[in-house]
Amino acid sequence: MNAAADDPGRALIAGLRRTSAYPHAVTEPIRVAETHISWVLLTGEYAYKVKKPVRLSFLDYSTLERRRRLCEEEVRLNRRLAPGLYLGVAVIGGTPESPVLDGDGAPLEYAVRMRQFRPEDELAAMLATDGAGEDDLAALGSAIARFHGDAAIAATDSVYGQPDGIHRVTLDNLAELRALPESAAWRERLSALAGQLNSLHASLRSLMLRRRQDGRVRECHGDLHCGNVVRWDGRLTPFDGIEFDPALRFIDVVNDIAFLTMDLAERSHGALRRAALQAWAETLGDWQGLRLLPYYEAYRALVRAKVDALRAQQLEPGSTARTAAVADCVRYLDWAQARLESRHPPLVITCGLSGSGKTWLARQLAARLGALHLRSDVERKRLAGLAANEPSRSPLDAGIYSREFNDRTYARLGDCAAAVLESGEAVIVDAAFLRRAERRRFLDLAAAAGSQATIVHCRAPDAVLRERVAARYAARNDASEAGLEVLARQPGYWEPLEADERACLAEVDTHDPASVAALLDRLAPATGG
């Protein structure tokens, strides 16, 4: 930091500690939170973020005009996700000794005006006290997916999202780590990690290019870790997205969500990670993008390791604080290395008639296994351009329920399941799977991935099937559109399981709690889920 440039800023901040500087009541003693690039003045109801007059390797706040423009950018970008938090840009007038917000005269400085929130409402703090649940993270994942679906797409002639540039940024983190004196003991590990990343990037390069061409590189948040999410108005809300460098926010949407999923996993909140990732993927439908998740999660862990290394270098050698920073750095390195190791997660498919409890059971099993849940009814609607609960008005055996559309649906489920397995995540494919060829596709997929496959055959008494189907059809609040007429026809489509299918079969009566409990314990013991 340029100390000479910083001193005038510090004088201004001293003046902004006085209550007379504000055009509103100050409801608590003014506090200042400081980072290496900003000051945040906390006044009770409002917070004011002032950018430091600095130029660093990754940002330039060196002129008043740039700070004004970047304050405006910060408000514009963050209002996309947190409109209630970001109120606008405040002009600081008066004199350096007696500054006044929204005062007359030539501007001395600019500040982002925000609603103030409690530190304990930040997601990172909530996790430490078990203050956030799976429903919270699922809602957050869905909100992020909708945000990604609406975000501006990177121009095709821009440099954003180019695979080689992405990889250079990833490897630059390793270069920063090598500058830490303590990293001499990790040289072999860092070299091995670089080799893993090089190999994975080479295998993913064409996918990265194709996704860029398909508009998956968008104006994202850019810094979506747990410390930049807060409970606001009763829901988890991302804030403090990156404004100072468009290259850090015009990224693949998977790169964006990967910071959150990595951070949750590294904090040992696997169930919350799964909830967020499931909701994100199901809402956006970007199952194919999950192939990039190991690379981007490892990259995000290396970003955290680099930050800890830079922090360590600013601390006294041998001090307790430096030792702790180095330990944090090593922890993120360990996580990145483990994420890149080969995985062979299980594949589970359901089969059974409508009303047999496939979706109900799949949801329970997914939570116990830590698996992602692919649902045919949802993906069928997506192929047709419909929302999950939007009626298709298709006649029996026609429209989106014709044999041709059924084949398309199972082909999509196969492609999505393959992507999930490649990402290292377990997957449950929830569909009727009445025909042998439909099941065979997925057994072959599991074999190719080196994954264990299980067929869960769901049953229930005929009267229960009819009762469930009739109630669901009458409610019209589910992706399934099967009614009693469909249920009556399905036994005619059923092709019994052959010997190789029965070898990986698990049968369950979903009307019998003991049968369900035995199935869950067999496939996903409570201590292992």
Protein backbone atom coordinates (compact mmCIF):
# COMPACT_ATOMS: atom_id res chain seq x y z
CA MET A 1 0.00 0.00 0.00
CA ASN A 2 1.14 3.49 -0.83
CA ALA A 3 1.41 5.09 2.62
CA ALA A 4 1.65 8.61 1.21
CA ALA A 5 -1.60 8.15 -0.69
CA ASP A 6 -3.19 6.50 2.30
CA ASP A 7 -2.57 9.31 4.84
CA PRO A 8 -5.10 11.82 3.36
CA GLY A 9 -7.65 9.03 3.37
CA ARG A 10 -6.99 8.32 7.03
CA ALA A 11 -7.46 11.99 7.86
CA LEU A 12 -10.83 11.92 6.14
CA ILE A 13 -11.85 8.76 8.00
CA ALA A 14 -10.96 10.46 11.29
CA GLY A 15 -13.38 13.26 10.39
CA LEU A 16 -16.08 10.75 9.45
CA ARG A 17 -15.97 9.30 12.96
CA ARG A 18 -17.94 12.38 14.15
CA THR A 19 -21.72 12.15 14.24
CA SER A 20 -22.01 15.64 12.76
CA ALA A 21 -20.73 14.27 9.43
CA TYR A 22 -23.99 12.42 8.77
CA PRO A 23 -27.37 13.70 7.55
CA HIS A 24 -29.18 11.19 9.77
CA ALA A 25 -29.17 10.07 13.38
CA VAL A 26 -26.28 7.86 14.41
CA THR A 27 -27.67 5.12 16.62
CA GLU A 28 -24.44 3.70 18.01
CA PRO A 29 -20.80 4.77 18.44
CA ILE A 30 -19.26 4.97 14.97
CA ARG A 31 -16.97 2.04 14.29
CA VAL A 32 -14.59 1.51 11.37
CA ALA A 33 -13.92 -1.88 9.77
CA GLU A 34 -10.79 -1.83 7.63
CA THR A 35 -9.48 -4.09 4.88
CA HIS A 36 -6.47 -3.65 2.63
CA ILE A 37 -8.62 -1.82 0.05
CA SER A 38 -11.41 -0.04 1.96
CA TRP A 39 -12.82 1.42 5.14
CA VAL A 40 -16.39 0.71 6.21
CA LEU A 41 -17.96 3.19 8.63
CA LEU A 42 -20.72 1.63 10.75
CA THR A 43 -23.26 4.12 12.06
CA GLY A 44 -26.13 1.90 13.23
CA GLU A 45 -28.75 1.93 10.50
CA TYR A 46 -26.36 2.67 7.65
CA ALA A 47 -22.86 1.60 6.63
CA TYR A 48 -20.58 3.61 4.32
CA LYS A 49 -17.84 1.94 2.32
CA VAL A 50 -14.97 4.23 1.31
CA LYS A 51 -12.38 2.96 -1.14
CA LYS A 52 -8.75 3.56 -0.20
CA PRO A 53 -6.77 5.75 -2.63
CA VAL A 54 -4.42 2.91 -3.62
CA ARG A 55 -3.15 1.15 -6.70
CA LEU A 56 -2.36 -2.55 -6.30
CA SER A 57 -1.47 -5.31 -8.73
CA PHE A 58 -5.12 -6.31 -9.08
CA LEU A 59 -6.99 -2.99 -8.73
CA ASP A 60 -6.66 0.76 -9.23
CA TYR A 61 -8.41 3.13 -6.82
CA SER A 62 -5.76 5.81 -7.27
CA THR A 63 -7.92 8.70 -8.54
CA LEU A 64 -11.09 10.29 -7.22
CA GLU A 65 -12.82 9.81 -10.56
CA ARG A 66 -12.02 6.09 -10.61
CA ARG A 67 -13.30 5.71 -7.07
CA ARG A 68 -16.54 7.47 -8.01
CA ARG A 69 -17.05 5.28 -11.04
CA LEU A 70 -16.25 2.09 -9.13
CA CYS A 71 -18.62 3.06 -6.31
CA GLU A 72 -21.35 3.36 -8.91
CA GLU A 73 -20.34 -0.01 -10.39
CA GLU A 74 -20.42 -1.62 -6.96
CA VAL A 75 -23.97 -0.41 -6.40
CA ARG A 76 -25.12 -1.45 -9.88
CA LEU A 77 -23.64 -4.93 -9.63
CA ASN A 78 -24.72 -5.73 -6.09
CA ARG A 79 -28.26 -4.46 -6.52
CA ARG A 80 -28.79 -7.44 -8.82
CA LEU A 81 -28.69 -9.75 -5.82
CA ALA A 82 -29.16 -7.42 -2.82
CA PRO A 83 -31.27 -4.42 -3.86
CA GLY A 84 -32.38 -3.82 -0.28
CA LEU A 85 -28.81 -3.56 0.99
CA TYR A 86 -27.29 -1.20 -1.59
CA LEU A 87 -28.86 2.25 -1.36
CA GLY A 88 -26.64 4.32 -3.65
CA VAL A 89 -23.48 6.43 -3.76
CA ALA A 90 -22.97 9.14 -1.16
CA VAL A 91 -20.95 12.27 -1.99
CA ILE A 92 -18.63 13.40 0.80
CA GLY A 93 -18.23 17.19 0.83
CA GLY A 94 -17.06 19.79 3.32
CA THR A 95 -13.39 19.81 4.30
CA PRO A 96 -11.04 16.93 5.20
CA GLU A 97 -11.20 18.07 8.83
CA SER A 98 -15.01 18.46 8.81
CA PRO A 99 -16.40 16.21 6.11
CA VAL A 100 -20.16 16.03 5.50
CA LEU A 101 -22.04 13.33 3.65
CA ASP A 102 -24.32 14.72 0.96
CA GLY A 103 -22.80 18.13 1.67
CA ASP A 104 -22.28 21.08 -0.65
CA GLY A 105 -19.13 22.02 -2.52
CA ALA A 106 -16.60 20.04 -4.48
CA PRO A 107 -16.61 16.30 -3.68
CA LEU A 108 -13.80 15.18 -1.39
CA GLU A 109 -14.62 11.49 -1.70
CA TYR A 110 -17.38 9.02 -2.49
CA ALA A 111 -18.86 6.17 -0.47
CA VAL A 112 -21.18 3.26 -1.14
CA ARG A 113 -24.19 3.71 1.14
CA MET A 114 -25.60 0.43 2.49
CA ARG A 115 -28.00 -0.84 5.09
CA GLN A 116 -26.00 -2.03 8.08
CA PHE A 117 -26.42 -5.64 9.20
CA ARG A 118 -25.24 -7.61 12.19
CA PRO A 119 -21.96 -9.56 11.83
CA GLU A 120 -23.66 -12.61 13.31
CA ASP A 121 -26.02 -12.64 10.31
CA GLU A 122 -23.18 -13.35 7.89
CA LEU A 123 -23.27 -16.96 6.66
CA ALA A 124 -19.72 -17.64 7.85
CA ALA A 125 -20.76 -16.70 11.40
CA MET A 126 -24.06 -18.58 11.13
CA LEU A 127 -22.25 -21.79 10.16
CA ALA A 128 -20.18 -21.62 13.33
CA THR A 129 -23.38 -21.69 15.41
CA ASP A 130 -25.43 -24.04 13.17
CA GLY A 131 -27.63 -21.06 12.35
CA ALA A 132 -28.25 -22.05 8.72
CA GLY A 133 -30.08 -25.14 7.51
CA GLU A 134 -30.47 -27.08 4.30
CA ASP A 135 -33.63 -25.18 3.35
CA ASP A 136 -31.71 -21.90 3.67
CA LEU A 137 -28.93 -23.13 1.40
CA ALA A 138 -31.36 -24.62 -1.10
CA ALA A 139 -33.13 -21.27 -1.37
CA LEU A 140 -29.76 -19.58 -1.83
CA GLY A 141 -28.75 -22.07 -4.54
CA SER A 142 -31.99 -21.45 -6.43
CA ALA A 143 -31.60 -17.68 -6.13
CA ILE A 144 -28.04 -17.84 -7.47
CA ALA A 145 -29.22 -20.01 -10.36
CA ARG A 146 -31.90 -17.49 -11.33
CA PHE A 147 -29.32 -14.71 -11.06
CA HIS A 148 -26.94 -16.65 -13.33
CA GLY A 149 -29.75 -17.28 -15.80
CA ASP A 150 -30.43 -13.54 -16.11
CA ALA A 151 -26.84 -12.22 -15.91
CA ALA A 152 -25.24 -10.46 -18.88
CA ILE A 153 -23.35 -12.74 -21.27
CA ALA A 154 -19.70 -12.00 -22.05
CA ALA A 155 -19.18 -10.57 -25.53
CA THR A 156 -17.82 -13.14 -27.96
CA ASP A 157 -14.94 -10.83 -28.91
CA SER A 158 -13.87 -10.33 -25.28
CA VAL A 159 -11.03 -12.16 -23.51
CA TYR A 160 -13.30 -13.25 -20.67
CA GLY A 161 -13.62 -16.97 -20.04
CA GLN A 162 -10.91 -18.02 -22.46
CA PRO A 163 -9.57 -21.42 -21.26
CA ASP A 164 -5.88 -20.55 -21.45
CA GLY A 165 -6.37 -17.30 -19.57
CA ILE A 166 -8.36 -19.13 -16.89
CA HIS A 167 -5.57 -21.63 -16.42
CA ARG A 168 -2.90 -18.94 -16.20
CA VAL A 169 -4.83 -17.34 -13.35
CA THR A 170 -5.11 -20.73 -11.62
CA LEU A 171 -1.38 -21.42 -11.89
CA ASP A 172 -0.54 -17.87 -10.76
CA ASN A 173 -1.89 -18.87 -7.35
CA LEU A 174 0.79 -21.55 -7.13
CA ALA A 175 3.45 -18.99 -8.06
CA GLU A 176 2.29 -16.78 -5.19
CA LEU A 177 2.45 -19.74 -2.84
CA ARG A 178 6.03 -20.51 -3.87
CA ALA A 179 7.02 -16.99 -2.77
CA LEU A 180 6.21 -17.88 0.84
CA PRO A 181 9.48 -19.02 2.53
CA GLU A 182 7.68 -21.79 4.41
CA SER A 183 6.55 -23.28 1.09
CA ALA A 184 10.05 -24.73 0.56
CA ALA A 185 8.77 -27.79 2.40
CA TRP A 186 5.87 -28.14 -0.05
CA ARG A 187 7.74 -27.84 -3.35
CA GLU A 188 7.00 -31.40 -4.42
CA ARG A 189 3.34 -31.06 -3.46
CA LEU A 190 3.00 -27.83 -5.41
CA SER A 191 4.60 -29.40 -8.47
CA ALA A 192 2.30 -32.42 -8.23
CA LEU A 193 -0.70 -30.11 -7.86
CA ALA A 194 0.35 -28.16 -10.95
CA GLY A 195 0.60 -31.42 -12.87
CA GLN A 196 -2.90 -32.47 -11.77
CA LEU A 197 -4.32 -29.10 -12.76
CA ASN A 198 -2.55 -29.14 -16.13
CA SER A 199 -3.93 -32.58 -16.93
CA LEU A 200 -7.47 -31.73 -15.83
CA HIS A 201 -7.45 -28.42 -17.70
CA ALA A 202 -6.32 -30.14 -20.89
CA SER A 203 -9.24 -32.58 -20.63
CA LEU A 204 -11.73 -29.75 -20.00
CA ARG A 205 -10.42 -27.12 -22.43
CA SER A 206 -12.84 -27.94 -25.25
CA LEU A 207 -15.77 -27.92 -22.81
CA MET A 208 -14.69 -24.52 -21.48
CA LEU A 209 -14.59 -23.17 -25.03
CA ARG A 210 -17.95 -24.66 -25.93
CA ARG A 211 -19.58 -23.24 -22.82
CA ARG A 212 -18.15 -19.82 -23.60
CA GLN A 213 -19.65 -20.03 -27.09
CA ASP A 214 -22.97 -21.15 -25.57
CA GLY A 215 -23.17 -18.09 -23.32
CA ARG A 216 -22.22 -19.71 -20.01
CA VAL A 217 -19.59 -17.05 -19.28
CA ARG A 218 -21.63 -14.31 -17.63
CA GLU A 219 -21.35 -11.27 -15.40
CA CYS A 220 -21.36 -13.16 -12.11
CA HIS A 221 -20.77 -12.22 -8.47
CA GLY A 222 -17.09 -13.18 -8.58
CA ASP A 223 -16.41 -13.60 -4.85
CA LEU A 224 -19.19 -15.87 -3.68
CA HIS A 225 -17.82 -17.32 -0.45
CA CYS A 226 -19.61 -17.69 2.88
CA GLY A 227 -18.26 -14.39 4.20
CA ASN A 228 -20.07 -12.56 1.39
CA VAL A 229 -23.51 -13.96 2.13
CA VAL A 230 -25.81 -12.48 4.80
CA ARG A 231 -29.27 -13.24 6.10
CA TRP A 232 -31.29 -10.21 5.03
CA ASP A 233 -35.08 -9.92 5.09
CA GLY A 234 -35.24 -13.55 6.18
CA ARG A 235 -33.18 -15.08 3.37
CA LEU A 236 -29.53 -15.66 2.57
CA THR A 237 -28.38 -12.89 0.24
CA PRO A 238 -25.02 -12.55 -1.55
CA PHE A 239 -23.34 -9.14 -1.33
CA ASP A 240 -19.94 -7.51 -1.98
CA GLY A 241 -19.46 -8.83 -5.49
CA ILE A 242 -16.36 -7.79 -7.41
CA GLU A 243 -16.57 -4.41 -9.12
CA PHE A 244 -12.92 -3.49 -9.73
CA ASP A 245 -12.03 -6.01 -12.46
CA PRO A 246 -14.58 -7.34 -14.97
CA ALA A 247 -12.31 -10.31 -15.73
CA LEU A 248 -12.93 -11.57 -12.18
CA ARG A 249 -16.71 -11.47 -12.54
CA PHE A 250 -17.20 -12.36 -16.23
CA ILE A 251 -16.64 -16.03 -15.54
CA ASP A 252 -18.28 -19.37 -16.14
CA VAL A 253 -21.30 -19.70 -13.87
CA VAL A 254 -19.83 -22.93 -12.45
CA ASN A 255 -16.73 -20.98 -11.40
CA ASP A 256 -19.02 -18.65 -9.46
CA ILE A 257 -21.02 -21.30 -7.57
CA ALA A 258 -17.79 -23.29 -6.98
CA PHE A 259 -16.54 -20.71 -4.47
CA LEU A 260 -19.62 -21.27 -2.31
CA THR A 261 -19.58 -25.07 -2.62
CA MET A 262 -15.84 -25.23 -1.90
CA ASP A 263 -16.18 -22.98 1.13
CA LEU A 264 -19.06 -25.02 2.55
CA ALA A 265 -17.21 -28.30 2.00
CA GLU A 266 -13.95 -27.01 3.48
CA ARG A 267 -15.90 -25.93 6.57
CA SER A 268 -17.24 -29.51 6.87
CA HIS A 269 -20.81 -28.62 5.90
CA GLY A 270 -21.30 -31.28 3.25
CA ALA A 271 -25.08 -31.48 3.66
CA LEU A 272 -25.42 -27.72 3.18
CA ARG A 273 -23.13 -27.87 0.15
CA ARG A 274 -25.28 -30.59 -1.39
CA ALA A 275 -28.47 -28.59 -0.73
CA ALA A 276 -27.06 -25.50 -2.44
CA LEU A 277 -25.59 -27.41 -5.38
CA GLN A 278 -28.75 -29.50 -5.92
CA ALA A 279 -30.96 -26.43 -5.98
CA TRP A 280 -28.56 -24.53 -8.25
CA ALA A 281 -28.22 -27.34 -10.79
CA GLU A 282 -31.92 -28.26 -10.80
CA THR A 283 -33.07 -24.64 -11.12
CA LEU A 284 -30.60 -23.68 -13.84
CA GLY A 285 -30.52 -27.10 -15.51
CA ASP A 286 -26.75 -26.81 -15.98
CA TRP A 287 -25.88 -30.38 -15.07
CA GLN A 288 -23.29 -30.55 -17.87
CA GLY A 289 -21.35 -27.70 -16.29
CA LEU A 290 -20.68 -29.82 -13.22
CA ARG A 291 -17.87 -31.49 -15.16
CA LEU A 292 -15.92 -28.28 -14.44
CA LEU A 293 -16.67 -28.31 -10.71
CA PRO A 294 -13.53 -30.17 -9.51
CA TYR A 295 -11.28 -27.78 -11.43
CA TYR A 296 -13.03 -24.64 -10.23
CA GLU A 297 -13.40 -25.82 -6.64
CA ALA A 298 -9.66 -26.57 -6.55
CA TYR A 299 -8.98 -23.14 -8.07
CA ARG A 300 -11.08 -21.44 -5.40
CA ALA A 301 -9.27 -23.34 -2.65
CA LEU A 302 -5.96 -22.16 -4.11
CA VAL A 303 -7.23 -18.57 -4.10
CA ARG A 304 -7.85 -18.94 -0.37
CA ALA A 305 -4.44 -20.56 0.13
CA LYS A 306 -2.80 -17.66 -1.71
CA VAL A 307 -4.60 -15.08 0.43
CA ASP A 308 -3.39 -16.85 3.56
CA ALA A 309 0.16 -16.97 2.16
CA LEU A 310 0.08 -13.23 1.45
CA ARG A 311 -1.23 -12.61 4.96
CA ALA A 312 1.54 -14.76 6.45
CA GLN A 313 4.21 -12.80 4.61
CA GLN A 314 3.04 -9.60 6.31
CA LEU A 315 3.43 -11.13 9.78
CA GLU A 316 6.51 -11.57 11.94
CA PRO A 317 8.37 -14.83 11.18
CA GLY A 318 7.89 -17.32 13.98
CA SER A 319 4.92 -15.45 15.44
CA THR A 320 1.76 -17.29 16.48
CA ALA A 321 -0.26 -15.33 13.93
CA ARG A 322 2.09 -16.25 11.09
CA THR A 323 2.10 -19.91 12.11
CA ALA A 324 -1.70 -19.88 12.05
CA ALA A 325 -1.79 -18.24 8.62
CA VAL A 326 0.61 -20.84 7.22
CA ALA A 327 -1.51 -23.62 8.72
CA ASP A 328 -4.59 -22.17 7.01
CA CYS A 329 -2.69 -22.07 3.75
CA VAL A 330 -1.73 -25.75 4.09
CA ARG A 331 -5.32 -26.68 4.94
CA TYR A 332 -6.58 -25.21 1.68
CA LEU A 333 -3.76 -26.90 -0.23
CA ASP A 334 -4.77 -30.22 1.29
CA TRP A 335 -8.36 -29.61 0.27
CA ALA A 336 -7.46 -28.71 -3.33
CA GLN A 337 -5.28 -31.79 -3.67
CA ALA A 338 -8.00 -34.07 -2.29
CA ARG A 339 -10.59 -32.53 -4.63
CA LEU A 340 -8.50 -33.42 -7.66
CA GLU A 341 -8.09 -37.07 -6.71
CA SER A 342 -10.01 -39.60 -8.80
CA ARG A 343 -13.45 -40.52 -7.47
CA HIS A 344 -15.90 -43.27 -8.39
CA PRO A 345 -19.19 -42.23 -6.78
CA PRO A 346 -22.25 -44.50 -6.88
CA LEU A 347 -25.12 -44.30 -9.33
CA VAL A 348 -28.64 -45.19 -8.18
CA ILE A 349 -31.66 -45.45 -10.45
CA THR A 350 -35.24 -45.93 -9.34
CA CYS A 351 -37.89 -47.93 -11.16
CA GLY A 352 -41.55 -48.50 -10.54
CA LEU A 353 -45.06 -47.40 -11.40
CA SER A 354 -46.49 -43.94 -10.82
CA GLY A 355 -47.30 -43.43 -7.15
CA SER A 356 -44.78 -46.02 -5.99
CA GLY A 357 -42.85 -43.37 -4.04
CA LYS A 358 -39.81 -43.03 -6.29
CA THR A 359 -39.36 -39.27 -5.86
CA TRP A 360 -40.17 -39.33 -2.14
CA LEU A 361 -37.61 -42.08 -1.56
CA ALA A 362 -35.02 -40.55 -3.90
CA ARG A 363 -35.04 -37.33 -1.90
CA GLN A 364 -34.41 -39.19 1.34
CA LEU A 365 -31.73 -41.35 -0.21
CA ALA A 366 -30.00 -38.36 -1.84
CA ALA A 367 -29.73 -36.61 1.52
CA ARG A 368 -28.33 -39.74 3.18
CA LEU A 369 -25.86 -40.47 0.36
CA GLY A 370 -24.87 -36.86 -0.21
CA ALA A 371 -25.97 -37.42 -3.80
CA LEU A 372 -27.49 -35.15 -6.42
CA HIS A 373 -31.03 -35.98 -7.53
CA LEU A 374 -32.02 -36.02 -11.21
CA ARG A 375 -35.76 -36.21 -11.78
CA SER A 376 -37.22 -37.28 -15.12
CA ASP A 377 -40.42 -35.26 -14.69
CA VAL A 378 -38.39 -32.05 -14.24
CA GLU A 379 -35.96 -32.73 -17.10
CA ARG A 380 -38.79 -33.78 -19.44
CA LYS A 381 -40.47 -30.42 -18.85
CA ARG A 382 -37.16 -28.62 -19.31
CA LEU A 383 -36.68 -30.28 -22.73
CA ALA A 384 -40.11 -28.97 -23.69
CA GLY A 385 -39.26 -25.45 -22.53
CA LEU A 386 -41.69 -25.68 -19.62
CA ALA A 387 -41.27 -24.88 -15.94
CA ALA A 388 -41.34 -27.92 -13.65
CA ASN A 389 -44.92 -27.45 -12.49
CA GLU A 390 -46.24 -25.98 -15.74
CA PRO A 391 -48.88 -28.22 -17.40
CA SER A 392 -47.95 -29.63 -20.80
CA ARG A 393 -51.57 -30.50 -21.74
CA SER A 394 -50.22 -33.54 -23.58
CA PRO A 395 -52.66 -36.33 -24.54
CA LEU A 396 -51.89 -39.89 -23.44
CA ASP A 397 -48.85 -41.29 -25.26
CA ALA A 398 -48.44 -38.02 -27.17
CA GLY A 399 -46.79 -34.64 -26.80
CA ILE A 400 -44.04 -34.81 -24.19
CA TYR A 401 -45.17 -38.36 -23.33
CA SER A 402 -44.74 -39.81 -26.82
CA ARG A 403 -42.24 -42.66 -27.29
CA GLU A 404 -39.90 -40.31 -29.16
CA PHE A 405 -39.99 -37.67 -26.42
CA ASN A 406 -39.57 -40.36 -23.79
CA ASP A 407 -36.36 -41.49 -25.54
CA ARG A 408 -35.14 -37.89 -25.60
CA THR A 409 -35.83 -37.57 -21.89
CA TYR A 410 -33.83 -40.67 -20.99
CA ALA A 411 -31.00 -39.56 -23.27
CA ARG A 412 -30.88 -36.24 -21.40
CA LEU A 413 -30.94 -38.01 -18.05
CA GLY A 414 -28.03 -40.15 -19.21
CA ASP A 415 -25.99 -37.16 -20.33
CA CYS A 416 -26.70 -35.33 -17.06
CA ALA A 417 -25.91 -38.36 -14.90
CA ALA A 418 -22.61 -38.89 -16.74
CA ALA A 419 -21.65 -35.26 -16.06
CA VAL A 420 -22.51 -35.60 -12.38
CA LEU A 421 -20.43 -38.77 -12.01
CA GLU A 422 -17.52 -37.12 -13.82
CA SER A 423 -17.68 -34.26 -11.33
CA GLY A 424 -17.13 -36.75 -8.53
CA GLU A 425 -20.66 -36.50 -7.15
CA ALA A 426 -22.99 -39.42 -6.44
CA VAL A 427 -26.26 -39.28 -8.37
CA ILE A 428 -29.76 -40.70 -8.07
CA VAL A 429 -31.80 -40.82 -11.28
CA ASP A 430 -35.48 -40.75 -10.43
CA ALA A 431 -37.60 -42.14 -13.28
CA ALA A 432 -40.00 -44.99 -14.00
CA PHE A 433 -37.41 -47.05 -15.95
CA LEU A 434 -40.11 -49.46 -17.08
CA ARG A 435 -38.22 -50.68 -20.13
CA ARG A 436 -35.06 -52.77 -20.10
CA ALA A 437 -33.19 -50.59 -22.61
CA GLU A 438 -33.73 -47.54 -20.42
CA ARG A 439 -32.17 -49.31 -17.46
CA ARG A 440 -29.36 -50.82 -19.54
CA ARG A 441 -28.16 -47.38 -20.64
CA PHE A 442 -27.48 -46.42 -17.03
CA LEU A 443 -25.86 -49.69 -16.00
CA ASP A 444 -23.45 -49.26 -18.91
CA LEU A 445 -22.86 -45.64 -17.89
CA ALA A 446 -21.94 -46.72 -14.36
CA ALA A 447 -19.59 -49.40 -15.65
CA ALA A 448 -17.83 -46.90 -17.91
CA ALA A 449 -17.37 -44.53 -14.95
CA GLY A 450 -16.14 -47.28 -12.63
CA SER A 451 -19.13 -46.62 -10.38
CA GLN A 452 -21.30 -49.02 -8.44
CA ALA A 453 -24.86 -49.12 -9.78
CA THR A 454 -27.99 -49.91 -7.82
CA ILE A 455 -31.54 -50.32 -9.11
CA VAL A 456 -34.10 -49.41 -6.46
CA HIS A 457 -37.42 -51.00 -7.38
CA CYS A 458 -40.21 -49.13 -5.59
CA ARG A 459 -43.50 -50.89 -4.88
CA ALA A 460 -46.69 -50.21 -2.97
CA PRO A 461 -50.12 -51.90 -2.77
CA ASP A 462 -52.36 -51.17 -5.75
CA ALA A 463 -54.85 -49.25 -3.64
CA VAL A 464 -52.06 -47.05 -2.28
CA LEU A 465 -50.75 -46.38 -5.81
CA ARG A 466 -54.19 -45.23 -6.95
CA GLU A 467 -54.71 -43.09 -3.86
CA ARG A 468 -51.34 -41.37 -4.22
CA VAL A 469 -51.70 -40.74 -7.95
CA ALA A 470 -55.23 -39.38 -7.60
CA ALA A 471 -54.23 -37.02 -4.79
CA ARG A 472 -51.20 -35.72 -6.66
CA TYR A 473 -53.12 -35.26 -9.91
CA ALA A 474 -55.85 -33.34 -8.11
CA ALA A 475 -53.35 -31.04 -6.36
CA ARG A 476 -51.57 -30.14 -9.65
CA ASN A 477 -48.53 -28.93 -7.70
CA ASP A 478 -45.94 -31.42 -8.89
CA ALA A 479 -43.88 -31.91 -12.03
CA SER A 480 -45.50 -35.30 -12.62
CA GLU A 481 -48.68 -35.23 -14.69
CA ALA A 482 -49.49 -38.95 -14.40
CA GLY A 483 -53.11 -39.66 -13.54
CA LEU A 484 -55.06 -42.87 -12.95
CA GLU A 485 -55.35 -43.53 -16.69
CA VAL A 486 -51.55 -43.45 -17.03
CA LEU A 487 -51.15 -45.70 -14.00
CA ALA A 488 -53.56 -48.24 -15.52
CA ARG A 489 -51.48 -48.45 -18.72
CA GLN A 490 -48.01 -48.68 -17.15
CA PRO A 491 -48.00 -52.41 -16.30
CA GLY A 492 -48.25 -53.10 -20.02
CA TYR A 493 -44.96 -51.24 -20.57
CA TRP A 494 -43.08 -53.01 -17.78
CA GLU A 495 -40.24 -55.30 -18.84
CA PRO A 496 -39.04 -57.55 -15.99
CA LEU A 497 -35.48 -57.26 -14.76
CA GLU A 498 -32.96 -59.73 -16.16
CA ALA A 499 -30.32 -61.58 -14.16
CA ASP A 500 -27.62 -58.90 -14.40
CA GLU A 501 -30.14 -56.26 -13.31
CA ARG A 502 -31.30 -58.36 -10.36
CA ALA A 503 -27.66 -58.61 -9.26
CA CYS A 504 -27.73 -54.91 -8.35
CA LEU A 505 -31.37 -54.77 -7.28
CA ALA A 506 -32.74 -53.31 -4.06
CA GLU A 507 -36.50 -53.71 -3.58
CA VAL A 508 -38.58 -51.57 -1.26
CA ASP A 509 -42.23 -51.26 -0.28
CA THR A 510 -42.61 -47.51 0.25
CA HIS A 511 -45.84 -48.09 2.16
CA ASP A 512 -43.94 -50.10 4.78
CA PRO A 513 -41.75 -47.96 7.10
CA ALA A 514 -39.65 -50.99 8.07
CA SER A 515 -38.92 -51.75 4.41
CA VAL A 516 -37.94 -48.13 3.76
CA ALA A 517 -35.69 -48.01 6.83
CA ALA A 518 -33.96 -51.24 5.80
CA LEU A 519 -33.38 -49.90 2.29
CA LEU A 520 -31.91 -46.63 3.57
CA ASP A 521 -29.64 -48.44 6.02
CA ARG A 522 -28.48 -50.82 3.31
CA LEU A 523 -27.60 -48.16 0.76
CA ALA A 524 -26.72 -45.21 3.00
CA PRO A 525 -26.08 -46.02 6.66
CA ALA A 526 -26.87 -43.00 8.84
CA THR A 527 -23.27 -42.73 10.03
CA GLY A 528 -21.96 -42.55 6.48
CA GLY A 529 -24.36 -40.11 4.89
